[in-house]
C-alpha cells in the first residue's frame, strides 16, 4: 500500500510539474505581450494603487472614477501595479497568471474526481485545459479570461462539494457559493446570465432556500460596487457601463450590411469605430452612463429595424464564439490549421462524451453548472459581441466531456434511489 501510494504521489508531482512547465513556458515565450494593455486593465489598476480611485487619469492628472470595466481583475493587479506602464509589472502578472492557470488545471482534475470519472479521464481533461490554445494565449495578455476561467471552475467544484453533503445544501456553504458568484460577476459580467440560468433550474426543483441564500451571498459582493456607482454616477450599476457599446458593436448598420454578403469575421471595423466616435458626440450627455445608454439605443434601433438580419446575426455570432480557428489577422495559416485540428478533435470528443452520458442514463445533474455555463455564454454572445476568447470560461467543461468521449473511461451509474432533498 505504501509503495502504491508513493508511486501515485510521484506520478502526481511529475504530471503537475509538466503542467506547470507548459503554463509558465508559454508565459515566458509570450512575456512581451504582458507589456501591452489592450483593455486598460493595468492602467486602471495603477490608478487604483496610486490614488485609491478605480478610474482613469485625465489630461489634468486627476483620477476620474469609472465603471467601464469590471473591478475584480484590476483590484488584483492593483496590489503590485505601481506604474501605469504594464512592463513594470510584467513579472508579477506572469506569476499571477501562472498560478491562476495552474489552479484551473487542478480544479478541473478535482471536478472530474467529484463527477466520479476515472483518473485517466481526469488527467486527460487537465492536459486539455493546460494546453488549450485560447487559455494559453489569454494568459499572456492583461485581460480577465484567466481569472474568469478559474472562478467558473471553482464555483462548479464548490457546488459539487455542497451537493454531496446533503445536510448543508443551503447553509453557510450556499452563502459562500453566492459570494463566489458575485466575484465571478465582478470579473466578467456575463457570469450574471450563468447565475440566472442556474437559479432558474434550482427553482424548478423548488429549492427556494438555496436560491435565496445564494442570492444573498451574491448581493453581499455586488452591493458595495452598485452603491459606489450610485454615488459616483447617480445609478446603482451592478455590472459595467460597457454593455451598451458591446451590444452596439455586435448590432450596428455596418456589420449588418456585411452580413448580407458574408459571415466572415473580416468586416470594416475601422469605419464603424470612426462612425461611433461621431455618433457618441451626439449623445445628450457625455458622461459614461449616458453614452452607454445612447449606444444601447442605437443598437436596439438597428435590431428592431432589421429583425431578419438580427436573427441571422445571432447564429453568426454563436458561430464566431465557437469557431475552430482564429481570424487571419490573429494567426498565420499554419497556426490556424493547427488550432482548427485541435478544436475539431476537442469538440467532436466533447459531443461524443455528452452523447455517451445521455445514452448511459447517467444523471446529468452534477454536470448541470458546466452545461449551463456553455448555454449562458452562447446565449449572451449570440446577441452581444462575440469572438473565440469569450468562450474561455467554458473550456474546463468541454475538456471533461472530451475526456469522457475520447478516453472512454466512463463513470459508473449513480444510484437513482437517492434520498429526498430536505430543501
Protein backbone atom coordinates (compact mmCIF):
# COMPACT_ATOMS: atom_id res chain seq x y z
CA UNK A 1 0.00 0.00 0.00
CA UNK A 2 2.79 2.41 0.95
CA UNK A 3 4.64 1.71 -2.30
CA UNK A 4 1.49 2.19 -4.33
CA UNK A 5 0.76 5.47 -2.56
CA UNK A 6 4.28 6.72 -3.17
CA UNK A 7 4.01 5.79 -6.84
CA UNK A 8 0.74 7.69 -7.18
CA UNK A 9 2.19 10.69 -5.38
CA UNK A 10 5.30 10.65 -7.56
CA UNK A 11 3.16 10.42 -10.68
CA UNK A 12 1.06 13.34 -9.47
CA UNK A 13 4.09 15.56 -8.91
CA UNK A 14 5.56 14.61 -12.28
CA UNK A 15 2.34 15.49 -14.08
CA UNK A 16 1.92 18.67 -12.05
CA UNK A 17 5.46 19.72 -12.94
CA UNK A 18 4.71 19.07 -16.61
CA UNK A 19 1.54 21.17 -16.48
CA UNK A 20 3.43 23.93 -14.68
CA UNK A 21 6.17 23.76 -17.31
CA UNK A 22 3.63 24.16 -20.10
CA UNK A 23 1.87 27.09 -18.47
CA UNK A 24 4.93 29.02 -17.36
CA UNK A 25 6.78 28.12 -20.54
CA UNK A 26 4.10 29.76 -22.66
CA UNK A 27 4.05 32.76 -20.32
CA UNK A 28 7.80 33.10 -20.77
CA UNK A 29 7.59 32.84 -24.55
CA UNK A 30 4.73 35.35 -24.65
CA UNK A 31 6.12 37.69 -22.00
CA UNK A 32 6.33 40.62 -24.42
CA UNK A 33 2.53 40.57 -24.70
CA UNK A 34 2.30 41.26 -20.98
CA UNK A 35 3.84 44.67 -21.66
CA UNK A 36 0.69 45.66 -23.54
CA UNK A 37 -2.61 46.76 -22.03
CA UNK A 38 -5.29 46.35 -24.75
CA UNK A 39 -8.28 46.91 -22.46
CA UNK A 40 -6.62 49.33 -20.00
CA UNK A 41 -6.94 46.96 -17.03
CA UNK A 42 -3.40 47.67 -15.91
CA UNK A 43 -3.90 51.43 -16.23
CA UNK A 44 -6.99 51.15 -14.02
CA UNK A 45 -5.04 49.05 -11.52
CA UNK A 46 -2.17 51.54 -11.41
CA UNK A 47 -4.56 54.42 -10.78
CA UNK A 48 -6.23 52.41 -8.03
CA UNK A 49 -2.85 51.61 -6.48
CA UNK A 50 -1.58 55.21 -6.61
CA UNK A 51 -4.74 57.20 -5.82
CA UNK A 52 -7.19 54.77 -4.23
CA UNK A 53 -9.65 55.53 -7.06
CA UNK A 54 -10.91 53.00 -9.56
CA UNK A 55 -10.65 55.29 -12.55
CA UNK A 56 -8.58 56.90 -15.23
CA UNK A 57 -6.12 59.77 -15.11
CA UNK A 58 -7.42 62.68 -17.19
CA UNK A 59 -5.39 65.30 -19.06
CA UNK A 60 -5.09 67.34 -15.85
CA UNK A 61 -3.60 64.45 -13.92
CA UNK A 62 -6.75 63.86 -11.85
CA UNK A 63 -8.17 60.39 -11.25
CA UNK A 64 -11.69 60.24 -12.71
CA UNK A 65 -13.89 57.37 -11.41
CA UNK A 66 -15.14 54.86 -13.96
CA UNK A 67 -17.35 51.78 -14.13
CA UNK A 68 -16.43 50.95 -17.72
CA UNK A 69 -14.61 47.77 -16.73
CA UNK A 70 -15.46 45.22 -14.01
CA UNK A 71 -13.34 45.80 -10.88
CA UNK A 72 -12.13 42.39 -9.64
CA UNK A 73 -9.22 41.82 -12.03
CA UNK A 74 -7.89 45.41 -11.75
CA UNK A 75 -8.16 45.08 -7.97
CA UNK A 76 -5.88 42.02 -8.07
CA UNK A 77 -3.40 43.86 -10.28
CA UNK A 78 -3.52 46.95 -8.07
CA UNK A 79 -1.58 45.14 -5.34
CA UNK A 80 1.60 45.44 -7.38
CA UNK A 81 0.80 47.77 -10.31
CA UNK A 82 2.57 50.90 -9.09
CA UNK A 83 3.28 52.24 -12.58
CA UNK A 84 0.88 52.90 -15.50
CA UNK A 85 3.36 51.05 -17.72
CA UNK A 86 2.45 47.32 -17.64
CA UNK A 87 6.04 46.43 -18.49
CA UNK A 88 6.99 47.40 -14.93
CA UNK A 89 4.61 44.75 -13.55
CA UNK A 90 5.22 42.14 -16.22
CA UNK A 91 6.88 39.57 -13.97
CA UNK A 92 4.23 39.93 -11.28
CA UNK A 93 1.48 39.45 -13.85
CA UNK A 94 3.29 36.42 -15.24
CA UNK A 95 3.37 34.87 -11.78
CA UNK A 96 -0.27 35.70 -11.10
CA UNK A 97 -1.48 34.26 -14.40
CA UNK A 98 0.70 31.20 -13.98
CA UNK A 99 -0.76 30.47 -10.55
CA UNK A 100 -4.32 31.09 -11.77
CA UNK A 101 -3.74 28.78 -14.74
CA UNK A 102 -2.28 26.01 -12.59
CA UNK A 103 -5.17 26.34 -10.16
CA UNK A 104 -7.63 25.99 -13.04
CA UNK A 105 -5.94 22.76 -14.13
CA UNK A 106 -6.03 21.41 -10.57
CA UNK A 107 -9.69 22.31 -10.11
CA UNK A 108 -10.54 20.65 -13.43
CA UNK A 109 -8.98 17.44 -12.14
CA UNK A 110 -10.84 17.80 -8.83
CA UNK A 111 -14.15 18.32 -10.64
CA UNK A 112 -13.55 15.15 -12.63
CA UNK A 113 -13.00 13.22 -9.41
CA UNK A 114 -16.19 14.66 -7.92
CA UNK A 115 -18.01 13.51 -11.06
CA UNK A 116 -16.61 10.03 -10.39
CA UNK A 117 -14.65 9.96 -13.63
CA UNK A 118 -11.61 7.74 -13.92
CA UNK A 119 -8.18 9.16 -13.20
CA UNK A 120 -7.30 8.77 -16.87
CA UNK A 121 -10.24 10.94 -17.92
CA UNK A 122 -9.36 13.50 -15.23
CA UNK A 123 -5.73 13.72 -16.33
CA UNK A 124 -6.79 13.89 -19.95
CA UNK A 125 -9.11 16.82 -19.23
CA UNK A 126 -6.43 18.52 -17.15
CA UNK A 127 -3.98 18.41 -20.06
CA UNK A 128 -6.62 19.73 -22.45
CA UNK A 129 -7.05 22.73 -20.16
CA UNK A 130 -3.31 23.12 -19.63
CA UNK A 131 -2.65 23.17 -23.38
CA UNK A 132 -5.78 24.92 -24.63
CA UNK A 133 -4.69 27.50 -27.26
CA UNK A 134 -7.16 30.16 -26.14
CA UNK A 135 -6.36 29.82 -22.45
CA UNK A 136 -2.63 29.84 -23.18
CA UNK A 137 -2.90 32.91 -25.39
CA UNK A 138 -5.10 34.82 -22.95
CA UNK A 139 -2.72 34.05 -20.10
CA UNK A 140 -0.12 36.14 -21.94
CA UNK A 141 -2.45 39.16 -22.09
CA UNK A 142 -3.50 41.59 -19.37
CA UNK A 143 -7.15 40.54 -19.62
CA UNK A 144 -9.77 38.80 -17.49
CA UNK A 145 -10.10 35.38 -19.16
CA UNK A 146 -7.54 33.58 -16.99
CA UNK A 147 -9.23 34.68 -13.76
CA UNK A 148 -12.75 34.15 -15.12
CA UNK A 149 -11.99 30.57 -16.15
CA UNK A 150 -10.69 29.74 -12.68
CA UNK A 151 -13.71 31.30 -10.97
CA UNK A 152 -16.12 29.33 -13.16
CA UNK A 153 -14.35 26.06 -12.37
CA UNK A 154 -14.16 26.83 -8.63
CA UNK A 155 -17.90 27.58 -8.47
CA UNK A 156 -18.73 24.27 -10.13
CA UNK A 157 -16.38 22.39 -7.77
CA UNK A 158 -17.81 24.14 -4.70
CA UNK A 159 -21.35 23.30 -5.82
CA UNK A 160 -20.40 19.63 -6.20
CA UNK A 161 -18.95 19.60 -2.68
CA UNK A 162 -22.12 21.19 -1.37
CA UNK A 163 -24.41 18.82 -3.23
CA UNK A 164 -22.56 15.76 -1.96
CA UNK A 165 -23.06 16.98 1.60
CA UNK A 166 -26.83 16.90 1.52
CA UNK A 167 -27.38 18.11 5.06
CA UNK A 168 -25.81 21.51 4.41
CA UNK A 169 -27.14 22.28 0.95
CA UNK A 170 -28.41 25.74 1.76
CA UNK A 171 -26.43 26.75 4.84
CA UNK A 172 -23.22 28.76 5.04
CA UNK A 173 -21.76 26.81 2.11
CA UNK A 174 -24.55 28.15 -0.08
CA UNK A 175 -23.74 31.64 1.16
CA UNK A 176 -20.09 31.17 0.21
CA UNK A 177 -21.16 29.88 -3.18
CA UNK A 178 -23.24 33.03 -3.67
CA UNK A 179 -20.23 35.15 -2.70
CA UNK A 180 -18.21 33.28 -5.32
CA UNK A 181 -20.94 34.02 -7.85
CA UNK A 182 -20.66 37.69 -7.03
CA UNK A 183 -16.90 37.60 -7.59
CA UNK A 184 -17.45 35.94 -10.97
CA UNK A 185 -19.85 38.72 -11.98
CA UNK A 186 -17.34 41.38 -10.89
CA UNK A 187 -14.75 39.65 -13.08
CA UNK A 188 -16.90 39.17 -16.19
CA UNK A 189 -20.50 40.46 -16.12
CA UNK A 190 -21.64 37.69 -18.50
CA UNK A 191 -21.44 35.41 -15.44
CA UNK A 192 -24.71 37.01 -14.32
CA UNK A 193 -26.54 35.20 -17.12
CA UNK A 194 -24.98 31.95 -15.88
CA UNK A 195 -26.27 32.62 -12.37
CA UNK A 196 -29.79 33.34 -13.65
CA UNK A 197 -29.94 30.06 -15.58
CA UNK A 198 -28.52 28.21 -12.58
CA UNK A 199 -31.15 29.68 -10.26
CA UNK A 200 -33.97 29.00 -12.70
CA UNK A 201 -33.13 25.31 -12.73
CA UNK A 202 -32.90 25.35 -8.93
CA UNK A 203 -36.34 26.97 -8.73
CA UNK A 204 -37.74 24.24 -10.98
CA UNK A 205 -36.56 21.85 -8.25
CA UNK A 206 -38.28 24.11 -5.68
CA UNK A 207 -35.03 24.87 -3.95
CA UNK A 208 -36.23 28.26 -2.79
CA UNK A 209 -33.99 28.48 0.25
CA UNK A 210 -30.86 27.61 -1.71
CA UNK A 211 -31.60 30.31 -4.29
CA UNK A 212 -32.36 32.84 -1.57
CA UNK A 213 -29.11 32.17 0.32
CA UNK A 214 -27.03 32.21 -2.88
CA UNK A 215 -28.71 35.47 -3.90
CA UNK A 216 -27.82 36.94 -0.52
CA UNK A 217 -24.18 35.94 -1.00
CA UNK A 218 -24.11 37.49 -4.46
CA UNK A 219 -25.73 40.68 -3.13
CA UNK A 220 -23.11 40.97 -0.38
CA UNK A 221 -20.41 41.20 -3.06
CA UNK A 222 -22.28 43.23 -5.67
CA UNK A 223 -23.93 45.75 -3.32
CA UNK A 224 -20.77 47.76 -2.47
CA UNK A 225 -19.93 48.09 -6.18
CA UNK A 226 -23.50 49.17 -7.01
CA UNK A 227 -23.53 51.61 -4.08
CA UNK A 228 -20.23 53.10 -5.18
CA UNK A 229 -21.60 53.57 -8.69
CA UNK A 230 -24.79 55.13 -7.34
CA UNK A 231 -22.70 57.68 -5.51
CA UNK A 232 -20.38 58.36 -8.44
CA UNK A 233 -22.83 58.19 -11.34
CA UNK A 234 -26.27 58.53 -9.79
CA UNK A 235 -27.21 55.00 -10.83
CA UNK A 236 -26.63 51.71 -8.93
CA UNK A 237 -24.79 49.95 -11.77
CA UNK A 238 -24.31 46.30 -10.78
CA UNK A 239 -22.14 45.40 -13.77
CA UNK A 240 -20.41 48.00 -16.00
CA UNK A 241 -21.04 50.93 -18.33
CA UNK A 242 -19.65 48.88 -21.20
CA UNK A 243 -22.71 46.81 -22.11
CA UNK A 244 -24.33 49.34 -24.42
CA UNK A 245 -21.21 49.71 -26.54
CA UNK A 246 -20.71 45.93 -26.66
CA UNK A 247 -24.30 45.49 -27.81
CA UNK A 248 -23.87 48.18 -30.48
CA UNK A 249 -20.59 46.70 -31.67
CA UNK A 250 -22.48 43.46 -32.34
CA UNK A 251 -25.54 45.18 -33.82
CA UNK A 252 -24.60 48.15 -35.98
CA UNK A 253 -25.54 49.01 -39.59
CA UNK A 254 -22.04 48.47 -40.97
CA UNK A 255 -21.85 44.94 -39.59
CA UNK A 256 -25.41 44.19 -40.70
CA UNK A 257 -24.54 45.28 -44.25
CA UNK A 258 -21.51 43.00 -44.15
CA UNK A 259 -23.69 40.04 -43.11
CA UNK A 260 -25.87 40.43 -46.18
CA UNK A 261 -22.96 39.20 -48.29
CA UNK A 262 -20.64 37.32 -45.91
CA UNK A 263 -20.38 35.67 -42.50
CA UNK A 264 -16.64 36.32 -42.35
CA UNK A 265 -15.11 37.87 -39.24
CA UNK A 266 -13.24 40.27 -41.54
CA UNK A 267 -15.56 43.28 -41.60
CA UNK A 268 -14.91 47.02 -41.76
CA UNK A 269 -14.30 47.70 -38.07
CA UNK A 270 -12.35 50.89 -38.69
CA UNK A 271 -15.33 52.52 -40.40
CA UNK A 272 -17.55 51.51 -37.50
CA UNK A 273 -15.19 52.96 -34.90
CA UNK A 274 -14.96 56.19 -36.86
CA UNK A 275 -18.75 56.32 -37.13
CA UNK A 276 -19.17 55.61 -33.42
CA UNK A 277 -16.85 58.48 -32.49
CA UNK A 278 -19.06 60.81 -34.50
CA UNK A 279 -22.27 59.33 -33.10
CA UNK A 280 -21.26 59.46 -29.46
CA UNK A 281 -20.67 63.21 -29.80
CA UNK A 282 -24.43 63.46 -30.40
CA UNK A 283 -25.23 61.85 -27.08
CA UNK A 284 -27.33 64.24 -24.94
CA UNK A 285 -24.71 63.95 -22.20
CA UNK A 286 -21.11 62.81 -22.36
CA UNK A 287 -20.87 61.00 -19.03
CA UNK A 288 -20.28 57.23 -19.04
CA UNK A 289 -23.83 56.24 -18.16
CA UNK A 290 -25.41 58.47 -20.80
CA UNK A 291 -23.01 57.38 -23.54
CA UNK A 292 -23.62 53.73 -22.67
CA UNK A 293 -27.38 54.27 -22.75
CA UNK A 294 -27.05 56.08 -26.08
CA UNK A 295 -25.06 53.19 -27.59
CA UNK A 296 -27.70 50.79 -26.35
CA UNK A 297 -30.44 52.84 -28.01
CA UNK A 298 -28.56 52.77 -31.31
CA UNK A 299 -28.16 49.00 -31.04
CA UNK A 300 -31.86 48.49 -30.33
CA UNK A 301 -32.75 50.71 -33.27
CA UNK A 302 -30.56 48.59 -35.57
CA UNK A 303 -32.07 45.34 -34.27
CA UNK A 304 -35.71 46.47 -34.45
CA UNK A 305 -35.29 47.93 -37.93
CA UNK A 306 -33.62 44.74 -39.21
CA UNK A 307 -35.20 41.79 -37.36
CA UNK A 308 -34.29 39.26 -40.05
CA UNK A 309 -30.62 40.22 -40.08
CA UNK A 310 -30.61 40.29 -36.29
CA UNK A 311 -31.80 36.68 -36.12
CA UNK A 312 -29.27 35.70 -38.78
CA UNK A 313 -26.63 37.53 -36.76
CA UNK A 314 -27.47 35.52 -33.65
CA UNK A 315 -26.41 32.37 -35.48
CA UNK A 316 -23.32 34.04 -36.91
CA UNK A 317 -22.21 35.40 -33.54
CA UNK A 318 -22.67 31.98 -31.94
CA UNK A 319 -20.55 30.56 -34.76
CA UNK A 320 -17.85 33.15 -34.09
CA UNK A 321 -17.89 32.21 -30.41
CA UNK A 322 -17.33 28.51 -31.15
CA UNK A 323 -15.14 28.95 -34.23
CA UNK A 324 -12.44 26.33 -34.76
CA UNK A 325 -9.68 28.71 -35.81
CA UNK A 326 -8.73 32.37 -35.25
CA UNK A 327 -9.06 35.01 -37.93
CA UNK A 328 -6.19 35.63 -40.38
CA UNK A 329 -5.40 38.88 -38.57
CA UNK A 330 -4.55 36.95 -35.41
CA UNK A 331 -2.63 33.95 -36.68
CA UNK A 332 -0.70 32.59 -39.65
CA UNK A 333 -2.21 29.95 -41.93
CA UNK A 334 -0.16 27.17 -40.32
CA UNK A 335 -1.27 28.27 -36.84
CA UNK A 336 -4.87 28.45 -37.97
CA UNK A 337 -4.74 24.89 -39.30
CA UNK A 338 -3.11 23.55 -36.12
CA UNK A 339 -5.67 25.26 -33.87
CA UNK A 340 -8.54 24.10 -36.10
CA UNK A 341 -7.39 20.49 -35.81
CA UNK A 342 -7.04 20.85 -32.04
CA UNK A 343 -10.58 22.18 -31.58
CA UNK A 344 -12.09 19.80 -34.12
CA UNK A 345 -10.80 16.86 -32.07
CA UNK A 346 -11.81 18.53 -28.79
CA UNK A 347 -15.36 19.42 -29.86
CA UNK A 348 -16.06 16.09 -31.57
CA UNK A 349 -14.80 14.28 -28.47
CA UNK A 350 -16.94 16.50 -26.22
CA UNK A 351 -20.03 15.76 -28.33
CA UNK A 352 -19.22 12.05 -28.13
CA UNK A 353 -18.80 12.33 -24.37
CA UNK A 354 -22.10 14.15 -23.92
CA UNK A 355 -23.84 11.61 -26.13
CA UNK A 356 -22.41 8.80 -24.03
CA UNK A 357 -23.67 10.39 -20.83
CA UNK A 358 -27.16 10.71 -22.30
CA UNK A 359 -27.26 7.15 -23.65
CA UNK A 360 -25.85 5.65 -20.47
CA UNK A 361 -28.62 7.15 -18.40
CA UNK A 362 -26.07 8.75 -16.08
CA UNK A 363 -27.74 11.63 -14.19
CA UNK A 364 -26.55 14.93 -15.64
CA UNK A 365 -27.37 16.93 -12.56
CA UNK A 366 -23.76 17.07 -11.36
CA UNK A 367 -22.80 18.32 -14.82
CA UNK A 368 -25.50 21.00 -14.76
CA UNK A 369 -23.40 24.05 -13.77
CA UNK A 370 -20.87 23.37 -16.54
CA UNK A 371 -23.56 22.75 -19.15
CA UNK A 372 -25.41 25.91 -18.10
CA UNK A 373 -22.18 27.87 -18.41
CA UNK A 374 -21.88 26.75 -22.04
CA UNK A 375 -25.53 27.66 -22.64
CA UNK A 376 -25.26 31.09 -20.98
CA UNK A 377 -22.13 32.07 -22.92
CA UNK A 378 -23.77 31.01 -26.17
CA UNK A 379 -26.98 32.92 -25.41
CA UNK A 380 -25.24 36.12 -24.33
CA UNK A 381 -22.73 36.21 -27.15
CA UNK A 382 -25.31 35.40 -29.80
CA UNK A 383 -26.66 38.90 -29.05
CA UNK A 384 -23.63 40.80 -27.75
CA UNK A 385 -20.19 40.97 -29.34
CA UNK A 386 -18.59 37.60 -29.83
CA UNK A 387 -15.21 36.05 -30.54
CA UNK A 388 -13.30 32.90 -29.62
CA UNK A 389 -11.67 34.18 -26.44
CA UNK A 390 -15.06 34.80 -24.83
CA UNK A 391 -15.68 31.06 -24.52
CA UNK A 392 -12.64 30.68 -22.23
CA UNK A 393 -14.62 30.02 -19.00
CA UNK A 394 -16.31 27.01 -20.65
CA UNK A 395 -13.12 25.17 -21.55
CA UNK A 396 -12.96 23.01 -18.37
CA UNK A 397 -16.44 21.55 -19.01
CA UNK A 398 -15.60 20.98 -22.69
CA UNK A 399 -12.34 19.27 -21.70
CA UNK A 400 -14.08 16.97 -19.21
CA UNK A 401 -16.70 15.96 -21.77
CA UNK A 402 -13.92 15.40 -24.31
CA UNK A 403 -12.13 13.19 -21.81
CA UNK A 404 -15.23 11.06 -21.40
CA UNK A 405 -15.71 10.84 -25.16
CA UNK A 406 -12.14 10.22 -26.24
CA UNK A 407 -10.64 8.16 -23.45
CA UNK A 408 -13.73 6.03 -22.99
CA UNK A 409 -13.32 5.52 -19.23
CA UNK A 410 -16.79 6.37 -18.07
CA UNK A 411 -18.26 6.95 -14.63
CA UNK A 412 -20.48 4.32 -13.11
CA UNK A 413 -24.17 4.96 -12.90
CA UNK A 414 -25.18 6.64 -9.72
CA UNK A 415 -27.91 5.26 -7.52
CA UNK A 416 -31.12 6.83 -8.73
CA UNK A 417 -32.73 5.96 -5.41
CA UNK A 418 -31.09 8.96 -3.76
CA UNK A 419 -32.52 10.41 -0.57
CA UNK A 420 -35.13 13.08 -0.96
CA UNK A 421 -33.88 16.62 -0.64
CA UNK A 422 -34.51 18.38 2.61
CA UNK A 423 -34.93 21.67 0.77
